[in-house]
Amino acid sequence: MRYTPINQSFYKKNRDKLAKALEPRSLVILHSNDLMPTNADGTMKFRQNNDLFYLCGIDQEDTILLMCPDFPNEGMREILFVKETNEHIAIWEGNKLSKAAATEISGVKHIRWSSEYGTVLQQLMGYCNHILLHTNEHRGAHNAVETRNTRYNKKVKDAFPLHNYERLAPIMERLRSVKEQDEIDQIQRACDITEKGFRRVLDFVKPGVREYEIEAEFMHEFLRNGSRGFAYEPIIGSGKNSCVLHYLENNQLCNSGELILMDVGAEYGNYNADMTRTIPVNGRFTPRQKSVYEAVLRVKREAVSMLRPGVLIQEYQKEVGKIMESELIELRLLDKMDIKRQDPSNPLYRKYFMHGTSHHLGLDVHDVGSVFEPVEEGMVFTVEPGIYIREEGIGVRLENDYVIGKDKNLDLMKNIPIEVEEIEALMNY
């Protein structure tokens, strides 16, 4: 692996927390993600199932974790199955994890080869009553592709139809939403790598470059600092493209007088950064661009001060909307009289600010975590207001990542330039 792994004590602690949340005679069954095909004999880069990774730290395909914390035989309470290597695999793919290496990473003492899974499962099912299976229940998930967990869920239900099957997802959501310090350290590393990429780009951008050239500058810096690349598909939108929220083509020429909106983040050790910055192509904001930019920055500062323990995200979003409303009036984009007559269920500010302000961040960029429960200390959120004026070709979004603290929030991107004067100075030194 190219990243520094978290100590096995972190994964042991996570499994202990899960075990305490289970009913007596419960069995957790959790499979790795598939190695996904492309075409012919091609495959995509492997990306581990995040719940499995959170519980054992194993970053390899064909991995299975079984947990039955109160099984009479201690050797059957935690079992990790890994892919058995052979000479052919070693020649073509390199060595896979040995049993000793799997224990060193995960802290699981009892390691078996994946080929033994069926036999062990048969023994455990005879003892257990509650079977917890993995499903992707993220509110934004489409689940159009059947996962390895889904396939094996069907198999175990067919083989053992009279057991009580339950959902693992709600428990994992609660556990993963509040971050341990080890996780915050990994996210901080991802943010620091993102900073390096952004500073490189500030020195590179000038009129005449193409959006994909900027993307390449980020990727160069990410890879050379131990990241596997972008945490998500990067958005590099110049001019009118800055107003397209999920613009991904990244193929247009960047012209003098335009803004470039860059929504990018590095991953590190499967944890993610999520940053947005908006800069002028020629290194100088126009007066109008500066006014919009500073309005977004003021909203961002207010939002950070409001995103505190005990807050409900829905109420927080409404309050951020009111602040944005005032800024849009000052920018002469909204009129006070029109606001008085607006439909409260569809406020006028949404014409220029149509997305949410914050989301959970962690192993997933849009990480698991309830938006219906109060914000808690130790959660990590983005704060990312924006103003998009399509008729003027001006799109500005600013985004940092924050750990919710007891007394104040910790800005994981505090060292990444965001003030107008600093950005202009770095682009024109």
Protein backbone atom coordinates (compact mmCIF):
# COMPACT_ATOMS: atom_id res chain seq x y z
CA MET A 1 0.00 0.00 0.00
CA ARG A 2 1.16 3.55 -0.66
CA TYR A 3 -0.38 5.10 2.47
CA THR A 4 0.57 4.76 6.14
CA PRO A 5 -2.09 2.49 7.69
CA ILE A 6 -3.89 3.19 10.94
CA ASN A 7 -2.78 1.08 13.90
CA GLN A 8 -4.71 -2.17 14.42
CA SER A 9 -5.95 -0.88 17.79
CA PHE A 10 -8.31 1.42 15.88
CA TYR A 11 -9.96 -1.50 14.10
CA LYS A 12 -10.15 -3.53 17.32
CA LYS A 13 -11.93 -0.62 19.00
CA ASN A 14 -14.40 -0.39 16.11
CA ARG A 15 -15.22 -4.09 16.32
CA ASP A 16 -15.68 -3.77 20.08
CA LYS A 17 -18.15 -0.92 19.56
CA LEU A 18 -20.07 -2.99 17.04
CA ALA A 19 -20.11 -6.03 19.33
CA LYS A 20 -21.64 -3.97 22.14
CA ALA A 21 -24.46 -2.90 19.82
CA LEU A 22 -25.50 -6.48 18.99
CA GLU A 23 -28.17 -8.71 20.50
CA PRO A 24 -27.09 -12.04 22.05
CA ARG A 25 -26.42 -14.79 19.51
CA SER A 26 -25.89 -12.31 16.67
CA LEU A 27 -23.75 -12.89 13.59
CA VAL A 28 -22.39 -10.13 11.37
CA ILE A 29 -21.59 -11.10 7.79
CA LEU A 30 -19.65 -8.56 5.75
CA HIS A 31 -18.03 -9.04 2.33
CA SER A 32 -15.54 -6.92 0.44
CA ASN A 33 -16.52 -5.07 -2.70
CA ASP A 34 -16.18 -6.74 -6.08
CA LEU A 35 -13.25 -6.21 -8.37
CA MET A 36 -15.36 -4.45 -11.00
CA PRO A 37 -14.98 -5.26 -14.72
CA THR A 38 -14.64 -2.72 -17.51
CA ASN A 39 -14.57 -4.48 -20.91
CA ALA A 40 -12.85 -7.57 -22.31
CA ASP A 41 -10.50 -8.69 -19.52
CA GLY A 42 -10.09 -5.24 -17.95
CA THR A 43 -10.93 -4.26 -14.39
CA MET A 44 -11.26 -1.01 -12.51
CA LYS A 45 -9.03 -0.13 -9.60
CA PHE A 46 -10.23 -1.95 -6.52
CA ARG A 47 -12.03 0.09 -3.85
CA GLN A 48 -12.81 -1.63 -0.58
CA ASN A 49 -16.22 -1.72 1.07
CA ASN A 50 -16.01 1.08 3.60
CA ASP A 51 -17.83 -0.72 6.42
CA LEU A 52 -15.48 -3.68 6.07
CA PHE A 53 -12.47 -1.38 5.96
CA TYR A 54 -13.69 0.45 9.07
CA LEU A 55 -13.83 -2.84 10.99
CA CYS A 56 -10.58 -4.48 9.85
CA GLY A 57 -8.45 -2.21 7.65
CA ILE A 58 -8.00 -4.85 4.95
CA ASP A 59 -7.71 -3.25 1.52
CA GLN A 60 -7.90 -6.39 -0.61
CA GLU A 61 -10.61 -8.07 -2.68
CA ASP A 62 -12.22 -11.41 -1.76
CA THR A 63 -12.20 -10.58 1.97
CA ILE A 64 -14.94 -11.56 4.42
CA LEU A 65 -15.45 -10.70 8.08
CA LEU A 66 -17.63 -12.81 10.39
CA MET A 67 -18.37 -11.62 13.93
CA CYS A 68 -20.25 -13.64 16.53
CA PRO A 69 -19.07 -12.04 19.79
CA ASP A 70 -20.66 -14.52 22.23
CA PHE A 71 -19.95 -17.80 20.39
CA PRO A 72 -18.86 -20.48 22.93
CA ASN A 73 -15.58 -21.17 21.11
CA GLU A 74 -13.40 -18.04 21.38
CA GLY A 75 -11.69 -18.90 18.10
CA MET A 76 -14.97 -18.48 16.22
CA ARG A 77 -15.97 -15.05 17.58
CA GLU A 78 -14.00 -13.02 15.03
CA ILE A 79 -12.88 -14.62 11.79
CA LEU A 80 -11.33 -12.82 8.84
CA PHE A 81 -11.18 -14.59 5.49
CA VAL A 82 -8.59 -13.47 2.93
CA LYS A 83 -7.70 -14.60 -0.55
CA GLU A 84 -5.19 -17.44 -0.66
CA THR A 85 -2.27 -16.65 -2.93
CA ASN A 86 -0.40 -18.99 -5.26
CA GLU A 87 2.53 -18.84 -7.65
CA HIS A 88 0.40 -17.75 -10.62
CA ILE A 89 -1.16 -14.85 -8.66
CA ALA A 90 2.23 -13.86 -7.27
CA ILE A 91 3.71 -13.65 -10.78
CA TRP A 92 0.85 -11.69 -12.35
CA GLU A 93 -0.48 -9.57 -9.48
CA GLY A 94 2.11 -9.74 -6.71
CA ASN A 95 1.75 -11.39 -3.34
CA LYS A 96 -1.57 -11.16 -1.54
CA LEU A 97 -1.82 -10.82 2.22
CA SER A 98 -0.51 -13.68 4.30
CA LYS A 99 -2.44 -14.71 7.38
CA ALA A 100 0.19 -13.06 9.57
CA ALA A 101 0.00 -9.83 7.58
CA ALA A 102 -3.81 -9.79 7.82
CA THR A 103 -3.57 -10.13 11.61
CA GLU A 104 -0.93 -7.39 11.76
CA ILE A 105 -3.22 -4.94 9.95
CA SER A 106 -6.58 -5.88 11.47
CA GLY A 107 -5.81 -7.24 14.92
CA VAL A 108 -8.04 -10.24 14.11
CA LYS A 109 -6.26 -13.31 15.49
CA HIS A 110 -8.14 -15.95 13.55
CA ILE A 111 -7.49 -15.73 9.82
CA ARG A 112 -8.68 -18.26 7.28
CA TRP A 113 -8.61 -18.52 3.50
CA SER A 114 -11.74 -17.35 1.69
CA SER A 115 -12.32 -20.88 0.36
CA GLU A 116 -13.18 -21.99 3.92
CA TYR A 117 -16.01 -19.47 4.33
CA GLY A 118 -18.91 -21.81 3.58
CA THR A 119 -17.88 -24.46 6.10
CA VAL A 120 -17.35 -21.92 8.90
CA LEU A 121 -20.62 -20.14 8.14
CA GLN A 122 -22.51 -23.44 8.50
CA GLN A 123 -21.16 -23.88 12.03
CA LEU A 124 -21.98 -20.35 13.12
CA MET A 125 -25.51 -20.34 11.69
CA GLY A 126 -26.43 -23.32 13.85
CA TYR A 127 -25.78 -21.22 16.96
CA CYS A 128 -26.97 -17.75 15.95
CA ASN A 129 -30.49 -16.31 15.87
CA HIS A 130 -29.86 -12.75 14.62
CA ILE A 131 -28.03 -12.39 11.31
CA LEU A 132 -26.92 -8.86 10.40
CA LEU A 133 -26.38 -8.32 6.67
CA HIS A 134 -24.80 -5.41 4.82
CA THR A 135 -26.85 -3.19 2.53
CA ASN A 136 -26.15 0.25 1.10
CA GLU A 137 -28.82 2.47 2.66
CA HIS A 138 -27.24 5.85 1.99
CA ARG A 139 -30.02 8.30 1.12
CA GLY A 140 -28.32 9.12 -2.21
CA ALA A 141 -27.60 5.54 -3.27
CA HIS A 142 -29.11 4.18 -6.49
CA ASN A 143 -28.08 0.53 -6.05
CA ALA A 144 -28.49 -0.19 -9.77
CA VAL A 145 -25.53 -2.62 -9.68
CA GLU A 146 -25.85 -5.74 -7.53
CA THR A 147 -22.99 -5.83 -5.03
CA ARG A 148 -21.10 -8.84 -3.72
CA ASN A 149 -22.85 -8.36 -0.35
CA THR A 150 -26.25 -8.35 -2.05
CA ARG A 151 -25.48 -11.58 -3.90
CA TYR A 152 -24.28 -13.34 -0.76
CA ASN A 153 -27.23 -12.00 1.26
CA LYS A 154 -29.52 -13.83 -1.16
CA LYS A 155 -27.46 -17.01 -0.86
CA VAL A 156 -27.47 -17.09 2.93
CA LYS A 157 -31.22 -16.43 3.07
CA ASP A 158 -31.88 -19.23 0.61
CA ALA A 159 -29.69 -21.64 2.57
CA PHE A 160 -31.01 -20.64 6.02
CA PRO A 161 -34.54 -19.27 5.50
CA LEU A 162 -35.78 -19.46 9.12
CA HIS A 163 -33.23 -17.15 10.75
CA ASN A 164 -34.00 -13.60 11.85
CA TYR A 165 -32.26 -11.30 9.34
CA GLU A 166 -31.52 -7.71 10.33
CA ARG A 167 -29.89 -4.58 8.93
CA LEU A 168 -26.27 -3.78 9.70
CA ALA A 169 -26.41 -0.34 8.04
CA PRO A 170 -28.11 1.66 10.86
CA ILE A 171 -25.53 0.48 13.39
CA MET A 172 -22.59 1.24 11.10
CA GLU A 173 -24.04 4.67 10.34
CA ARG A 174 -24.05 5.55 14.03
CA LEU A 175 -20.55 4.22 14.60
CA ARG A 176 -18.94 5.81 11.55
CA SER A 177 -20.57 9.23 11.83
CA VAL A 178 -18.51 10.21 14.91
CA LYS A 179 -14.82 10.07 14.04
CA GLU A 180 -11.93 8.77 16.11
CA GLN A 181 -8.72 10.81 16.18
CA ASP A 182 -7.04 8.26 13.89
CA GLU A 183 -9.65 9.02 11.24
CA ILE A 184 -9.33 12.76 11.66
CA ASP A 185 -5.58 12.40 11.17
CA GLN A 186 -6.15 10.56 7.86
CA ILE A 187 -8.64 13.18 6.67
CA GLN A 188 -6.18 15.90 7.66
CA ARG A 189 -3.52 14.19 5.56
CA ALA A 190 -5.92 14.15 2.60
CA CYS A 191 -6.60 17.87 3.16
CA ASP A 192 -2.89 18.67 3.33
CA ILE A 193 -2.30 16.88 0.03
CA THR A 194 -5.21 18.82 -1.46
CA GLU A 195 -3.55 22.04 -0.30
CA LYS A 196 -0.35 21.11 -2.13
CA GLY A 197 -2.34 20.54 -5.28
CA PHE A 198 -4.17 23.87 -4.99
CA ARG A 199 -0.98 25.85 -4.43
CA ARG A 200 0.53 24.18 -7.49
CA VAL A 201 -2.54 25.16 -9.53
CA LEU A 202 -2.40 28.79 -8.38
CA ASP A 203 1.10 28.97 -9.86
CA PHE A 204 0.01 27.24 -13.07
CA VAL A 205 -3.29 28.84 -14.13
CA LYS A 206 -3.24 31.52 -16.81
CA PRO A 207 -5.42 32.45 -19.79
CA GLY A 208 -5.30 29.82 -22.52
CA VAL A 209 -4.94 26.68 -20.39
CA ARG A 210 -7.60 24.00 -20.65
CA GLU A 211 -9.61 22.72 -17.73
CA TYR A 212 -8.13 19.23 -18.04
CA GLU A 213 -4.60 20.67 -17.77
CA ILE A 214 -5.57 22.02 -14.35
CA GLU A 215 -6.97 18.60 -13.47
CA ALA A 216 -3.62 17.08 -14.44
CA GLU A 217 -1.73 19.47 -12.14
CA PHE A 218 -3.85 18.37 -9.20
CA MET A 219 -3.39 14.70 -10.04
CA HIS A 220 0.38 15.08 -10.32
CA GLU A 221 0.61 16.57 -6.84
CA PHE A 222 -1.83 14.09 -5.32
CA LEU A 223 0.01 11.03 -6.61
CA ARG A 224 3.45 12.24 -5.65
CA ASN A 225 2.26 12.71 -2.05
CA GLY A 226 0.94 9.20 -1.45
CA SER A 227 -2.66 9.64 -2.55
CA ARG A 228 -4.26 7.25 -5.01
CA GLY A 229 -5.76 10.27 -6.73
CA PHE A 230 -9.01 12.20 -6.58
CA ALA A 231 -11.51 11.40 -3.83
CA TYR A 232 -14.26 11.91 -6.45
CA GLU A 233 -14.54 12.99 -10.06
CA PRO A 234 -13.02 16.50 -10.13
CA ILE A 235 -15.03 19.53 -11.21
CA ILE A 236 -12.93 22.13 -13.06
CA GLY A 237 -15.44 24.57 -14.52
CA SER A 238 -14.45 27.87 -16.12
CA GLY A 239 -16.74 30.67 -17.26
CA LYS A 240 -20.33 29.47 -17.68
CA ASN A 241 -19.24 25.96 -16.63
CA SER A 242 -18.73 27.29 -13.11
CA CYS A 243 -22.53 27.42 -12.83
CA VAL A 244 -22.98 23.69 -13.58
CA LEU A 245 -22.99 21.98 -10.20
CA HIS A 246 -21.70 18.59 -11.36
CA TYR A 247 -19.73 19.66 -14.42
CA LEU A 248 -17.29 16.84 -15.29
CA GLU A 249 -16.17 17.35 -18.91
CA ASN A 250 -13.22 19.57 -17.90
CA ASN A 251 -12.34 20.20 -21.56
CA GLN A 252 -12.87 23.92 -22.20
CA LEU A 253 -10.41 26.75 -22.70
CA CYS A 254 -10.00 29.10 -19.73
CA ASN A 255 -10.28 32.71 -20.89
CA SER A 256 -9.08 35.94 -19.32
CA GLY A 257 -11.84 37.61 -17.32
CA GLU A 258 -13.51 34.31 -16.37
CA LEU A 259 -13.63 32.49 -13.06
CA ILE A 260 -12.69 28.83 -12.55
CA LEU A 261 -14.62 26.83 -9.98
CA MET A 262 -12.58 23.83 -8.79
CA ASP A 263 -14.29 21.22 -6.63
CA VAL A 264 -11.55 18.68 -5.93
CA GLY A 265 -10.13 16.62 -3.09
CA ALA A 266 -7.44 14.03 -2.54
CA GLU A 267 -8.05 10.67 -0.89
CA TYR A 268 -5.58 9.23 1.57
CA GLY A 269 -5.82 5.73 3.01
CA ASN A 270 -9.48 5.53 1.81
CA TYR A 271 -10.36 8.77 3.67
CA ASN A 272 -11.32 11.87 1.70
CA ALA A 273 -10.88 15.60 1.45
CA ASP A 274 -13.51 17.77 -0.23
CA MET A 275 -12.46 21.29 -1.22
CA THR A 276 -13.91 23.94 -3.49
CA ARG A 277 -12.11 27.10 -4.52
CA THR A 278 -12.97 29.69 -7.17
CA ILE A 279 -10.17 31.71 -8.77
CA PRO A 280 -9.83 34.24 -11.62
CA VAL A 281 -8.19 32.90 -14.78
CA ASN A 282 -6.02 36.01 -15.18
CA GLY A 283 -5.17 36.31 -11.49
CA ARG A 284 -7.42 39.32 -10.75
CA PHE A 285 -11.07 39.37 -9.71
CA THR A 286 -13.29 41.96 -11.40
CA PRO A 287 -15.25 44.17 -8.97
CA ARG A 288 -18.43 42.16 -9.64
CA GLN A 289 -16.66 38.81 -9.22
CA LYS A 290 -15.09 40.03 -5.99
CA SER A 291 -18.46 41.15 -4.62
CA VAL A 292 -20.02 37.75 -5.30
CA TYR A 293 -16.97 35.94 -3.93
CA GLU A 294 -16.92 37.89 -0.67
CA ALA A 295 -20.68 37.38 -0.24
CA VAL A 296 -20.15 33.60 -0.46
CA LEU A 297 -17.23 33.83 1.98
CA ARG A 298 -19.38 35.72 4.50
CA VAL A 299 -22.11 33.08 4.26
CA LYS A 300 -19.51 30.36 4.75
CA ARG A 301 -18.17 32.00 7.93
CA GLU A 302 -21.66 32.38 9.36
CA ALA A 303 -22.50 28.77 8.49
CA VAL A 304 -19.40 27.46 10.27
CA SER A 305 -20.35 29.35 13.42
CA MET A 306 -23.87 27.84 13.28
CA LEU A 307 -22.84 24.22 12.65
CA ARG A 308 -22.46 23.15 16.27
CA PRO A 309 -23.35 20.18 18.50
CA GLY A 310 -27.11 19.78 18.89
CA VAL A 311 -28.03 21.49 15.62
CA LEU A 312 -30.40 19.77 13.18
CA ILE A 313 -29.15 19.94 9.60
CA GLN A 314 -32.58 20.83 8.19
CA GLU A 315 -32.93 23.81 10.54
CA TYR A 316 -29.32 24.82 9.90
CA GLN A 317 -29.96 24.84 6.15
CA LYS A 318 -32.97 27.12 6.59
CA GLU A 319 -30.91 29.59 8.62
CA VAL A 320 -28.09 29.54 6.08
CA GLY A 321 -30.71 30.27 3.42
CA LYS A 322 -31.80 33.39 5.27
CA ILE A 323 -28.23 34.64 5.41
CA MET A 324 -27.80 33.92 1.71
CA GLU A 325 -31.05 35.76 1.01
CA SER A 326 -29.63 38.95 2.56
CA GLU A 327 -26.43 38.66 0.53
CA LEU A 328 -28.39 38.19 -2.70
CA ILE A 329 -30.38 41.35 -1.95
CA GLU A 330 -27.12 43.29 -1.53
CA LEU A 331 -25.92 41.89 -4.86
CA ARG A 332 -29.19 43.13 -6.45
CA LEU A 333 -30.15 39.61 -7.45
CA LEU A 334 -33.24 39.55 -5.23
CA ASP A 335 -35.73 42.23 -4.25
CA LYS A 336 -37.13 42.65 -0.72
CA MET A 337 -40.68 43.02 -1.98
CA ASP A 338 -40.45 39.80 -4.02
CA ILE A 339 -39.14 38.00 -0.95
CA LYS A 340 -42.15 39.11 1.08
CA ARG A 341 -44.42 37.51 -1.52
CA GLN A 342 -42.37 34.33 -2.04
CA ASP A 343 -43.58 30.79 -1.45
CA PRO A 344 -41.93 29.76 1.86
CA SER A 345 -41.65 26.18 0.64
CA ASN A 346 -39.64 27.32 -2.40
CA PRO A 347 -37.67 30.43 -1.37
CA LEU A 348 -36.32 32.66 -4.13
CA TYR A 349 -32.70 32.32 -3.03
CA ARG A 350 -32.71 28.79 -4.47
CA LYS A 351 -32.46 30.25 -7.95
CA TYR A 352 -28.87 31.20 -7.10
CA PHE A 353 -28.06 28.74 -4.28
CA MET A 354 -29.81 25.46 -5.02
CA HIS A 355 -27.83 22.87 -3.05
CA GLY A 356 -27.19 21.96 0.57
CA THR A 357 -24.53 23.67 2.66
CA SER A 358 -23.01 20.70 4.47
CA HIS A 359 -22.64 16.93 4.36
CA HIS A 360 -20.84 14.31 6.41
CA LEU A 361 -17.28 13.47 5.28
CA GLY A 362 -15.07 10.45 5.94
CA LEU A 363 -14.55 7.12 4.22
CA ASP A 364 -17.23 8.25 1.80
CA VAL A 365 -17.15 11.77 0.40
CA HIS A 366 -20.87 12.00 1.15
CA ASP A 367 -20.34 9.94 4.25
CA VAL A 368 -22.92 7.95 6.18
CA GLY A 369 -24.67 9.83 8.94
CA SER A 370 -28.25 10.81 9.64
CA VAL A 371 -29.51 14.25 8.64
CA PHE A 372 -32.43 13.76 11.03
CA GLU A 373 -30.36 13.46 14.21
CA PRO A 374 -28.53 16.35 15.94
CA VAL A 375 -24.96 17.16 14.99
CA GLU A 376 -22.46 15.68 17.46
CA GLU A 377 -18.96 16.54 18.60
CA GLY A 378 -16.44 14.53 16.57
CA MET A 379 -18.44 14.50 13.35
CA VAL A 380 -16.76 15.85 10.20
CA PHE A 381 -18.71 18.07 7.83
CA THR A 382 -18.11 20.16 4.76
CA VAL A 383 -19.34 23.76 4.64
CA GLU A 384 -19.86 24.81 1.02
CA PRO A 385 -22.21 27.70 0.15
CA GLY A 386 -22.27 29.01 -3.41
CA ILE A 387 -23.81 31.63 -5.67
CA TYR A 388 -24.42 30.79 -9.34
CA ILE A 389 -25.45 33.61 -11.69
CA ARG A 390 -25.91 31.85 -15.01
CA GLU A 391 -26.85 34.99 -16.94
CA GLU A 392 -23.48 36.53 -15.96
CA GLY A 393 -21.39 33.36 -16.23
CA ILE A 394 -20.33 33.75 -12.59
CA GLY A 395 -20.29 30.71 -10.33
CA VAL A 396 -18.62 30.88 -6.92
CA ARG A 397 -18.48 28.07 -4.37
CA LEU A 398 -16.14 27.91 -1.37
CA GLU A 399 -15.74 24.75 0.69
CA ASN A 400 -13.68 23.65 3.69
CA ASP A 401 -13.86 20.56 5.90
CA TYR A 402 -14.52 20.85 9.66
CA VAL A 403 -14.39 18.63 12.71
CA ILE A 404 -17.24 19.56 15.06
CA GLY A 405 -15.65 20.51 18.37
CA LYS A 406 -16.97 21.07 21.88
CA ASP A 407 -15.98 24.74 22.03
CA LYS A 408 -15.29 25.50 18.37
CA ASN A 409 -14.94 23.66 15.09
CA LEU A 410 -11.54 22.57 13.77
CA ASP A 411 -10.90 23.75 10.21
CA LEU A 412 -8.95 20.98 8.49
CA MET A 413 -8.29 23.33 5.56
CA LYS A 414 -7.25 26.41 7.50
CA ASN A 415 -3.93 26.54 5.61
CA ILE A 416 -5.52 26.50 2.15
CA PRO A 417 -5.71 30.04 0.70
CA ILE A 418 -9.23 31.43 0.48
CA GLU A 419 -9.05 35.23 0.92
CA VAL A 420 -9.22 37.32 -2.25
CA GLU A 421 -5.99 39.16 -1.48
CA GLU A 422 -4.04 35.97 -0.79
CA ILE A 423 -5.23 34.25 -3.96
CA GLU A 424 -4.40 37.27 -6.11
CA ALA A 425 -1.00 37.62 -4.48
CA LEU A 426 -0.11 33.95 -5.05
CA MET A 427 -1.25 34.12 -8.69
CA ASN A 428 0.76 37.27 -9.42
CA TYR A 429 3.95 36.95 -7.36
